[in-house]
Amino acid sequence: MTSYFQASVPASAEADESAKVDLTIHGRRHPIRNVVSVLLCLLAVWAVYAIATNPRFQWDVVGQYMFDHRILHGLGMTLLLTVESSVIGVALGVIIAIMRLSPIPVLSVPAWLFAVFFRGTPLLVQIIFWYNLAALYPSLSIGIPGLAPFFHANANQLISPLTAGLLALGLNEGAYMSEIIRAGIIGVDRGQTEAGKALGMRPQRVLRRIVLPQAMRIIIPPMGNEIIGLLKGTSLVSVISVSELLFSAQIIYSQNLETIPLLIVASIWYLAATTVMSVGQYHLERHFGRGTGHPAPGFLEVWRNALTQAHARIRPTERVSS
């Protein structure tokens, strides 16, 4: 009778029953984790309530300056610096990464020295250095020695605060991007390159059509993190009076002495910008993760899985008895 009953039960029913039992065991074996989760939620609610009800934060002043035209102008300058520095950094990073991977020493050694120098010196020092370049070279000229220069300019006029900040951010970003891109290229199986060459493709075409598209799956996550860090790093150019977001907030609170509310305004805008960039990074990761067998789960999938697990932990016994 027992064997007949087991044979007559469909496989899907057995799988459902085993899943229910597994959920029950999973829920019963981790009471500490559930308690810690509840405590963390309560702590988060308490922190939000304490911050929202503290009059010293002056949320009315925060709301007053949230969309001030000076703050919005600074936000626009911050985004402009981020985009332009990212473009310079990615383009320079690709070139430096390819040079680093070259078997020719005259290409690989200078690329290595470039990465070592710009990664080994603080970004703030680089910004101040470029801003004071005129102290070393009062005038900048480009030409052939012994002939009239093709280009000549005064360094003080050519290297403005915005130009100095852009040079420092772009070159520094290029050094970090070169290592990220080089790691992505190395992460692609060498057999892919050999297969492309076997098909008669030139090395440049193999790199562009085979290697780089596969390397993007490795490159995108650290590159996204680096660009988000760059957006926050643009606040350093405030030391040379570039009117980005932090400098704009500093100008306002130096006049009205509302330091904390203006810093909160700047922080909210930085947080909003980095959140948008994180969402973009997520979609890029999901796009380049297609076909690998491990794509990033969608937001709806994440929420559905979380709700399913929460429901299984709250009522595990009832699910099995039903």
Protein backbone atom coordinates (compact mmCIF):
# COMPACT_ATOMS: atom_id res chain seq x y z
CA MET A 1 0.00 0.00 0.00
CA THR A 2 2.80 2.35 0.88
CA SER A 3 4.69 1.72 -2.34
CA TYR A 4 1.49 2.17 -4.39
CA PHE A 5 0.80 5.52 -2.68
CA GLN A 6 4.30 6.78 -3.35
CA ALA A 7 4.11 5.71 -6.98
CA SER A 8 0.76 7.42 -7.51
CA VAL A 9 1.92 10.78 -6.15
CA PRO A 10 3.00 13.09 -8.98
CA ALA A 11 6.60 14.28 -9.04
CA SER A 12 5.53 17.92 -8.86
CA ALA A 13 3.53 17.23 -5.66
CA GLU A 14 6.55 15.57 -4.09
CA ALA A 15 8.71 18.56 -5.07
CA ASP A 16 6.18 21.01 -3.59
CA GLU A 17 6.00 19.01 -0.35
CA SER A 18 9.78 18.83 -0.04
CA ALA A 19 10.01 22.57 -0.71
CA LYS A 20 7.47 23.24 2.06
CA VAL A 21 9.36 21.10 4.52
CA ASP A 22 12.62 22.81 3.52
CA LEU A 23 11.02 26.23 4.07
CA THR A 24 9.84 25.07 7.51
CA ILE A 25 13.29 23.87 8.51
CA HIS A 26 14.84 27.04 7.07
CA GLY A 27 12.50 29.22 9.10
CA ARG A 28 12.98 27.28 12.35
CA ARG A 29 16.76 27.08 12.18
CA HIS A 30 17.41 30.82 11.97
CA PRO A 31 15.52 32.55 14.81
CA ILE A 32 18.55 34.74 15.60
CA ARG A 33 18.63 36.06 12.04
CA ASN A 34 14.95 36.97 12.21
CA VAL A 35 15.44 38.74 15.54
CA VAL A 36 18.42 40.68 14.20
CA SER A 37 16.43 41.69 11.11
CA VAL A 38 13.59 43.03 13.26
CA LEU A 39 16.03 44.91 15.49
CA LEU A 40 17.74 46.48 12.49
CA CYS A 41 14.38 47.60 11.07
CA LEU A 42 13.45 49.15 14.41
CA LEU A 43 16.84 50.85 14.60
CA ALA A 44 16.38 52.29 11.10
CA VAL A 45 12.91 53.61 11.99
CA TRP A 46 14.27 55.17 15.17
CA ALA A 47 17.16 56.82 13.29
CA VAL A 48 14.82 58.30 10.67
CA TYR A 49 12.46 59.59 13.37
CA ALA A 50 15.33 61.09 15.40
CA ILE A 51 16.73 62.92 12.38
CA ALA A 52 13.34 64.10 11.11
CA THR A 53 12.24 65.49 14.49
CA ASN A 54 15.53 67.17 15.46
CA PRO A 55 15.00 70.93 15.01
CA ARG A 56 18.76 71.53 14.79
CA PHE A 57 18.78 70.05 11.29
CA GLN A 58 16.63 73.03 10.18
CA TRP A 59 14.70 71.17 7.51
CA ASP A 60 12.84 74.35 6.60
CA VAL A 61 16.15 75.95 5.57
CA VAL A 62 17.04 72.79 3.65
CA GLY A 63 13.78 73.05 1.71
CA GLN A 64 14.35 76.74 1.09
CA TYR A 65 17.72 76.22 -0.62
CA MET A 66 17.04 72.83 -2.21
CA PHE A 67 16.21 74.34 -5.60
CA ASP A 68 18.13 77.59 -5.27
CA HIS A 69 19.52 78.69 -8.65
CA ARG A 70 23.08 78.74 -7.27
CA ILE A 71 22.75 75.17 -6.03
CA LEU A 72 21.29 74.02 -9.34
CA HIS A 73 24.09 75.79 -11.24
CA GLY A 74 26.63 74.02 -9.05
CA LEU A 75 24.89 70.69 -9.64
CA GLY A 76 25.06 71.27 -13.40
CA MET A 77 28.78 72.04 -13.18
CA THR A 78 29.33 68.88 -11.12
CA LEU A 79 27.54 66.74 -13.72
CA LEU A 80 29.45 68.46 -16.53
CA LEU A 81 32.79 67.77 -14.85
CA THR A 82 31.76 64.15 -14.26
CA VAL A 83 30.72 63.53 -17.86
CA GLU A 84 33.72 65.23 -19.46
CA SER A 85 36.21 63.63 -17.06
CA SER A 86 34.60 60.22 -17.63
CA VAL A 87 34.92 60.55 -21.40
CA ILE A 88 38.57 61.59 -21.09
CA GLY A 89 39.23 58.84 -18.56
CA VAL A 90 37.62 56.04 -20.58
CA ALA A 91 39.29 57.08 -23.86
CA LEU A 92 42.66 57.46 -22.18
CA GLY A 93 42.14 54.25 -20.20
CA VAL A 94 41.57 52.20 -23.36
CA ILE A 95 44.76 53.59 -24.93
CA ILE A 96 46.87 53.07 -21.80
CA ALA A 97 45.48 49.55 -21.26
CA ILE A 98 46.35 48.52 -24.83
CA MET A 99 49.82 50.01 -24.42
CA ARG A 100 50.29 48.12 -21.14
CA LEU A 101 49.45 44.85 -22.90
CA SER A 102 51.79 45.56 -25.79
CA PRO A 103 54.95 43.40 -26.02
CA ILE A 104 56.88 46.48 -27.16
CA PRO A 105 58.70 48.01 -24.14
CA VAL A 106 58.67 51.52 -25.58
CA LEU A 107 54.85 51.40 -25.30
CA SER A 108 54.30 49.30 -22.17
CA VAL A 109 56.86 51.04 -19.91
CA PRO A 110 55.53 54.64 -20.37
CA ALA A 111 51.97 53.36 -19.90
CA TRP A 112 53.00 51.63 -16.67
CA LEU A 113 54.75 54.79 -15.43
CA PHE A 114 51.64 56.86 -16.24
CA ALA A 115 49.41 54.54 -14.21
CA VAL A 116 51.88 54.43 -11.31
CA PHE A 117 52.25 58.22 -11.14
CA PHE A 118 48.59 59.22 -11.35
CA ARG A 119 47.40 56.43 -9.07
CA GLY A 120 50.19 57.02 -6.58
CA THR A 121 49.67 60.75 -5.98
CA PRO A 122 46.60 62.26 -4.28
CA LEU A 123 43.97 63.76 -6.55
CA LEU A 124 43.92 66.96 -4.50
CA VAL A 125 47.65 67.42 -5.09
CA GLN A 126 47.16 66.92 -8.83
CA ILE A 127 44.39 69.54 -8.92
CA ILE A 128 46.55 72.13 -7.14
CA PHE A 129 49.55 71.23 -9.32
CA TRP A 130 47.69 71.82 -12.59
CA TYR A 131 46.22 75.04 -11.22
CA ASN A 132 49.75 76.35 -10.50
CA LEU A 133 51.33 75.06 -13.71
CA ALA A 134 52.19 78.64 -14.74
CA ALA A 135 54.76 78.75 -11.93
CA LEU A 136 56.80 76.16 -13.86
CA TYR A 137 55.87 77.11 -17.43
CA PRO A 138 54.70 80.75 -17.79
CA SER A 139 54.10 80.19 -21.48
CA LEU A 140 53.24 77.03 -23.41
CA SER A 141 54.49 76.47 -26.96
CA ILE A 142 54.17 73.61 -29.45
CA GLY A 143 56.44 73.37 -32.48
CA ILE A 144 59.63 72.05 -34.00
CA PRO A 145 62.85 73.14 -32.26
CA GLY A 146 64.62 75.86 -34.27
CA LEU A 147 61.43 76.90 -36.09
CA ALA A 148 58.55 79.18 -35.21
CA PRO A 149 56.08 77.43 -32.84
CA PHE A 150 52.76 76.27 -34.18
CA PHE A 151 51.01 77.19 -30.95
CA HIS A 152 51.87 79.69 -28.21
CA ALA A 153 49.77 80.80 -25.23
CA ASN A 154 50.10 82.26 -21.77
CA ALA A 155 49.74 79.49 -19.17
CA ASN A 156 47.71 81.65 -16.79
CA GLN A 157 45.16 82.33 -19.51
CA LEU A 158 45.15 78.82 -20.89
CA ILE A 159 44.93 76.89 -17.58
CA SER A 160 41.78 78.26 -15.98
CA PRO A 161 40.43 76.75 -12.75
CA LEU A 162 37.90 74.71 -14.74
CA THR A 163 40.60 73.48 -17.15
CA ALA A 164 42.91 72.57 -14.27
CA GLY A 165 40.16 70.60 -12.55
CA LEU A 166 39.22 68.85 -15.78
CA LEU A 167 42.84 67.90 -16.51
CA ALA A 168 43.39 66.52 -13.02
CA LEU A 169 40.14 64.57 -12.91
CA GLY A 170 40.49 63.23 -16.48
CA LEU A 171 44.11 62.11 -16.17
CA ASN A 172 43.55 60.57 -12.75
CA GLU A 173 40.49 58.76 -14.02
CA GLY A 174 42.42 57.55 -17.07
CA ALA A 175 44.99 55.86 -14.83
CA TYR A 176 42.34 53.95 -12.88
CA MET A 177 40.29 53.15 -15.97
CA SER A 178 43.36 51.70 -17.69
CA GLU A 179 43.75 49.12 -14.92
CA ILE A 180 40.04 48.28 -15.00
CA ILE A 181 40.01 47.86 -18.77
CA ARG A 182 43.27 45.89 -18.73
CA ALA A 183 41.81 43.51 -16.16
CA GLY A 184 38.72 43.05 -18.32
CA ILE A 185 40.79 42.28 -21.42
CA ILE A 186 42.97 39.81 -19.54
CA GLY A 187 39.82 38.14 -18.17
CA VAL A 188 38.72 37.09 -21.68
CA ASP A 189 39.88 33.62 -22.60
CA ARG A 190 42.90 33.73 -24.90
CA GLY A 191 41.28 31.15 -27.13
CA GLN A 192 38.81 33.81 -28.28
CA THR A 193 41.67 35.88 -29.70
CA GLU A 194 43.24 32.86 -31.35
CA ALA A 195 39.90 31.89 -32.90
CA GLY A 196 39.50 35.39 -34.36
CA LYS A 197 42.99 35.29 -35.84
CA ALA A 198 42.28 31.84 -37.29
CA LEU A 199 39.32 33.37 -39.13
CA GLY A 200 41.67 35.88 -40.74
CA MET A 201 40.70 38.89 -38.62
CA ARG A 202 43.26 41.58 -37.92
CA PRO A 203 44.33 42.14 -34.29
CA GLN A 204 42.52 45.49 -34.14
CA ARG A 205 39.32 43.89 -35.39
CA VAL A 206 39.68 40.98 -32.97
CA LEU A 207 40.04 43.46 -30.11
CA ARG A 208 37.08 45.58 -31.21
CA ARG A 209 34.65 42.86 -32.25
CA ILE A 210 35.52 39.90 -30.00
CA VAL A 211 37.60 40.81 -26.95
CA LEU A 212 36.13 44.14 -25.80
CA PRO A 213 32.44 43.07 -26.05
CA GLN A 214 33.18 40.06 -23.82
CA ALA A 215 35.37 42.11 -21.49
CA MET A 216 32.54 44.59 -20.86
CA ARG A 217 30.87 42.12 -18.49
CA ILE A 218 33.98 42.35 -16.30
CA ILE A 219 34.63 46.05 -16.89
CA ILE A 220 31.19 47.56 -16.23
CA PRO A 221 30.86 46.96 -12.43
CA PRO A 222 34.22 48.50 -11.38
CA MET A 223 33.93 51.18 -14.05
CA GLY A 224 30.51 52.19 -12.74
CA ASN A 225 31.86 52.37 -9.21
CA GLU A 226 34.80 54.45 -10.40
CA ILE A 227 32.56 56.97 -12.20
CA ILE A 228 30.35 57.26 -9.11
CA GLY A 229 33.49 57.93 -7.09
CA LEU A 230 34.50 60.51 -9.69
CA LEU A 231 31.21 62.36 -9.25
CA LYS A 232 31.90 62.70 -5.54
CA GLY A 233 35.55 63.51 -6.23
CA THR A 234 34.56 66.58 -8.22
CA SER A 235 33.96 68.27 -4.85
CA LEU A 236 37.76 68.56 -4.53
CA VAL A 237 37.93 71.19 -7.27
CA SER A 238 36.23 73.56 -4.83
CA VAL A 239 39.73 74.32 -3.49
CA ILE A 240 40.53 76.15 -6.75
CA SER A 241 37.19 78.01 -6.77
CA VAL A 242 35.36 76.03 -9.44
CA SER A 243 31.66 76.71 -8.89
CA GLU A 244 30.53 73.10 -8.57
CA LEU A 245 27.94 71.87 -6.07
CA LEU A 246 30.00 71.97 -2.87
CA PHE A 247 31.57 75.33 -3.69
CA SER A 248 28.13 76.81 -4.38
CA ALA A 249 26.91 75.57 -0.99
CA GLN A 250 30.02 77.01 0.65
CA ILE A 251 29.40 80.42 -0.92
CA ILE A 252 25.84 80.46 0.43
CA TYR A 253 26.62 79.34 3.98
CA SER A 254 29.55 81.76 4.20
CA GLN A 255 26.93 84.52 3.80
CA ASN A 256 24.05 83.26 5.96
CA LEU A 257 26.07 81.00 8.35
CA GLU A 258 23.63 78.11 7.82
CA THR A 259 26.42 75.57 7.43
CA ILE A 260 24.67 72.31 8.31
CA PRO A 261 21.50 72.86 6.23
CA LEU A 262 23.54 73.78 3.13
CA LEU A 263 25.76 70.73 3.56
CA ILE A 264 22.62 68.61 3.82
CA VAL A 265 21.34 70.14 0.58
CA ALA A 266 24.60 69.29 -1.19
CA SER A 267 24.55 65.76 0.27
CA ILE A 268 20.99 65.15 -0.92
CA TRP A 269 21.88 66.19 -4.46
CA TYR A 270 25.03 64.04 -4.44
CA LEU A 271 22.96 61.11 -3.19
CA ALA A 272 20.31 61.66 -5.88
CA ALA A 273 22.92 61.82 -8.65
CA THR A 274 24.77 58.71 -7.47
CA THR A 275 21.47 56.82 -7.14
CA VAL A 276 20.55 57.59 -10.76
CA MET A 277 24.01 56.50 -11.87
CA SER A 278 23.70 53.28 -9.85
CA VAL A 279 20.45 52.46 -11.63
CA GLY A 280 22.14 53.06 -14.98
CA GLN A 281 25.04 50.84 -13.94
CA TYR A 282 22.57 48.11 -12.94
CA HIS A 283 20.90 48.13 -16.36
CA LEU A 284 24.28 48.06 -18.14
CA GLU A 285 25.35 45.07 -16.04
CA ARG A 286 22.07 43.34 -16.86
CA HIS A 287 22.51 44.08 -20.59
CA PHE A 288 26.07 42.76 -20.83
CA GLY A 289 25.23 39.84 -18.52
CA ARG A 290 22.80 38.38 -21.05
CA GLY A 291 23.90 35.07 -22.50
CA THR A 292 26.31 34.32 -19.65
CA GLY A 293 23.83 32.32 -17.57
CA HIS A 294 24.16 34.72 -14.63
CA PRO A 295 22.29 37.94 -15.50
CA ALA A 296 21.53 40.39 -12.73
CA PRO A 297 17.98 39.86 -11.37
CA GLY A 298 15.39 42.53 -12.06
CA PHE A 299 13.99 44.81 -9.36
CA LEU A 300 10.61 43.03 -9.49
CA GLU A 301 12.34 39.68 -9.15
CA VAL A 302 14.29 40.88 -6.13
CA TRP A 303 11.14 42.16 -4.40
CA ARG A 304 9.18 39.02 -5.26
CA ASN A 305 11.89 36.76 -3.86
CA ALA A 306 12.16 38.88 -0.70
CA LEU A 307 8.39 38.77 -0.12
CA THR A 308 8.31 35.02 -0.75
CA GLN A 309 11.06 34.41 1.79
CA ALA A 310 9.41 36.70 4.34
CA HIS A 311 6.07 34.89 3.93
CA ALA A 312 7.82 31.53 4.34
CA ARG A 313 9.50 32.66 7.56
CA ILE A 314 6.38 34.15 9.12
CA ARG A 315 4.00 31.23 8.55
CA PRO A 316 6.11 28.12 7.85
CA THR A 317 3.98 25.68 9.87
CA GLU A 318 0.70 26.72 8.30
CA ARG A 319 2.17 26.33 4.80
CA VAL A 320 3.14 22.72 5.54
CA SER A 321 -0.14 21.81 7.24
CA SER A 322 -2.15 23.22 4.34
